[in-house]
Protein backbone atom coordinates (compact mmCIF):
# COMPACT_ATOMS: atom_id res chain seq x y z
CA UNK A 1 -0.04 0.22 -0.29
CA UNK A 2 1.11 3.15 -1.03
CA UNK A 3 2.46 5.69 1.80
CA UNK A 4 0.20 8.34 0.97
CA UNK A 5 -2.77 6.56 0.91
CA UNK A 6 -1.71 4.79 4.49
CA UNK A 7 -1.16 8.46 5.88
CA UNK A 8 -4.93 8.79 4.54
CA UNK A 9 -6.38 6.74 6.75
CA UNK A 10 -4.47 7.27 9.65
CA UNK A 11 -5.89 10.96 9.36
CA UNK A 12 -9.57 9.84 8.30
CA UNK A 13 -10.20 6.40 9.44
CA UNK A 14 -6.78 5.72 12.65
CA UNK A 15 -7.87 2.40 13.29
CA UNK A 16 -8.10 0.69 9.75
CA UNK A 17 -4.63 2.51 9.16
CA UNK A 18 -3.14 0.43 12.61
CA UNK A 19 -5.46 -2.63 11.01
CA UNK A 20 -3.52 -2.73 7.83
CA UNK A 21 -0.52 -1.99 9.28
CA UNK A 22 0.27 -4.02 12.59
CA UNK A 23 -3.11 -6.41 12.02
CA UNK A 24 -5.63 -7.07 14.85
CA UNK A 25 -3.72 -6.67 18.48
CA UNK A 26 -3.18 -5.00 21.28
CA UNK A 27 -1.82 -1.23 19.06
CA UNK A 28 -5.60 -2.26 17.49
CA UNK A 29 -7.81 -1.97 20.06
CA UNK A 30 -5.74 0.58 21.45
CA UNK A 31 -5.75 2.67 18.46
CA UNK A 32 -9.67 2.13 19.16
CA UNK A 33 -9.84 3.49 22.28
CA UNK A 34 -8.02 6.57 21.34
CA UNK A 35 -9.63 7.61 18.38
CA UNK A 36 -12.98 7.57 21.14
CA UNK A 37 -11.38 9.97 22.95
CA UNK A 38 -11.89 12.76 20.47
CA UNK A 39 -10.42 11.60 17.62
CA UNK A 40 -6.53 13.18 17.61
CA UNK A 41 -5.09 10.89 19.89
CA UNK A 42 -5.99 8.05 17.56
CA UNK A 43 -4.46 10.04 14.77
CA UNK A 44 -1.22 10.71 16.48
CA UNK A 45 -0.66 6.81 17.65
CA UNK A 46 -1.76 5.10 14.22
CA UNK A 47 0.79 7.90 11.95
CA UNK A 48 3.37 7.26 14.94
CA UNK A 49 2.88 3.24 15.04
CA UNK A 50 3.09 3.90 10.64
CA UNK A 51 6.34 5.86 11.02
CA UNK A 52 8.51 4.07 13.83
CA UNK A 53 11.79 1.83 13.22
CA UNK A 54 11.29 -0.91 15.16
CA UNK A 55 8.32 -3.48 15.88
CA UNK A 56 7.30 -2.86 19.50
CA UNK A 57 6.94 -6.34 21.80
C-alpha cells in the first residue's frame, strides 16, 4: 500500500490504518480507544505506528 494512502487512512480512519499496518492486536484495540477520545490521540498513535523504526514487543 502506498505511503500516501496509509497517511490518509491514519488521518481519516486511524483504526483502519493500524489494522492494515499491524493487524488485530493490542495496538489496534488501543487505537480504537484513543480514537474514541476525540479522534486526535488515535490519529497521532496511528501515524506514530506507521513511522516507527522497529516493531513493538
